[in-house]
Amino acid sequence: MLMIYLVSINIITFIIYGYDKLQAIRNSKRIKEKTLIVLVIFGGHIGAILAMIICHHKINKPKFVWGIPILFLIEFLLLKFCIN
């Protein structure tokens, strides 16, 4: 069940980051950065990182370049601590 959730949240995160990039190119209404970060907090780390690499999105924003890996590390350590 956890695996299905993680795959789903990462696919959703990737799509939303990609959509936001498309909206940025079109100069249209964007997704709030807070929403993008919340998706990461809920487990969308891999989707966000892949979207940043593939779509070249948010790569000049330190809170994304550094924040997403740091959030991933914190959540990984918390999960590891809670399981043990």
Protein backbone atom coordinates (compact mmCIF):
# COMPACT_ATOMS: atom_id res chain seq x y z
CA MET A 1 0.00 0.00 0.00
CA LEU A 2 2.82 2.41 0.87
CA MET A 3 4.53 1.67 -2.44
CA ILE A 4 1.35 2.51 -4.40
CA TYR A 5 1.08 5.80 -2.49
CA LEU A 6 4.71 6.74 -3.13
CA VAL A 7 4.54 5.94 -6.83
CA SER A 8 1.28 7.88 -7.15
CA ILE A 9 2.47 11.00 -5.28
CA ASN A 10 5.67 11.08 -7.32
CA ILE A 11 3.81 10.81 -10.62
CA ILE A 12 1.42 13.55 -9.51
CA THR A 13 4.32 15.73 -8.36
CA PHE A 14 6.16 15.25 -11.65
CA ILE A 15 3.06 16.16 -13.65
CA ILE A 16 2.34 19.25 -11.56
CA TYR A 17 5.95 20.47 -11.76
CA GLY A 18 5.87 19.88 -15.53
CA TYR A 19 2.56 21.73 -15.82
CA ASP A 20 3.98 24.65 -13.84
CA LYS A 21 6.97 24.78 -16.20
CA LEU A 22 4.61 24.82 -19.18
CA GLN A 23 2.64 27.65 -17.58
CA ALA A 24 5.89 29.54 -16.98
CA ILE A 25 6.80 29.22 -20.67
CA ARG A 26 3.33 30.47 -21.64
CA ASN A 27 3.39 33.30 -19.07
CA SER A 28 0.11 31.92 -17.70
CA LYS A 29 -1.20 31.32 -14.19
CA ARG A 30 1.33 29.32 -12.17
CA ILE A 31 1.19 26.78 -9.37
CA LYS A 32 2.12 28.32 -6.01
CA GLU A 33 5.61 27.43 -4.78
CA LYS A 34 4.03 26.46 -1.47
CA THR A 35 1.97 23.82 -3.27
CA LEU A 36 5.06 22.46 -5.01
CA ILE A 37 6.90 22.19 -1.70
CA VAL A 38 3.92 20.56 0.04
CA LEU A 39 3.91 17.85 -2.64
CA VAL A 40 7.53 17.14 -1.75
CA ILE A 41 6.73 17.03 1.96
CA PHE A 42 4.05 14.43 1.23
CA GLY A 43 6.61 12.19 -0.45
CA GLY A 44 6.99 13.54 -3.99
CA HIS A 45 10.77 13.95 -3.77
CA ILE A 46 11.69 11.78 -6.72
CA GLY A 47 8.99 13.27 -8.94
CA ALA A 48 10.12 16.78 -8.07
CA ILE A 49 13.80 16.05 -8.67
CA LEU A 50 13.07 14.31 -11.97
CA ALA A 51 10.90 17.23 -13.10
CA MET A 52 13.63 19.67 -12.13
CA ILE A 53 16.17 17.72 -14.18
CA ILE A 54 14.01 16.82 -17.19
CA CYS A 55 12.02 20.07 -17.43
CA HIS A 56 14.81 22.34 -16.16
CA HIS A 57 12.29 23.73 -13.70
CA LYS A 58 13.15 25.61 -10.49
CA ILE A 59 16.86 24.87 -10.99
CA ASN A 60 17.84 28.45 -10.16
CA LYS A 61 15.85 28.56 -6.93
CA PRO A 62 17.98 27.59 -3.91
CA LYS A 63 14.96 26.61 -1.82
CA PHE A 64 14.21 23.94 -4.41
CA VAL A 65 17.76 22.93 -5.35
CA TRP A 66 18.78 22.55 -1.69
CA GLY A 67 15.41 22.26 0.02
CA ILE A 68 14.09 19.19 -1.76
CA PRO A 69 17.14 17.00 -1.06
CA ILE A 70 17.24 18.25 2.55
CA LEU A 71 13.54 17.47 3.03
CA PHE A 72 14.13 14.03 1.53
CA LEU A 73 17.02 13.39 3.91
CA ILE A 74 15.02 14.56 6.94
CA GLU A 75 12.02 12.42 6.03
CA PHE A 76 14.25 9.42 5.30
CA LEU A 77 15.99 9.74 8.67
CA LEU A 78 12.68 10.21 10.50
CA LEU A 79 11.24 7.15 8.81
CA LYS A 80 14.35 5.11 9.55
CA PHE A 81 14.27 6.25 13.18
CA CYS A 82 10.57 5.44 13.54
CA ILE A 83 10.91 1.97 12.02
CA ASN A 84 13.82 1.00 14.28
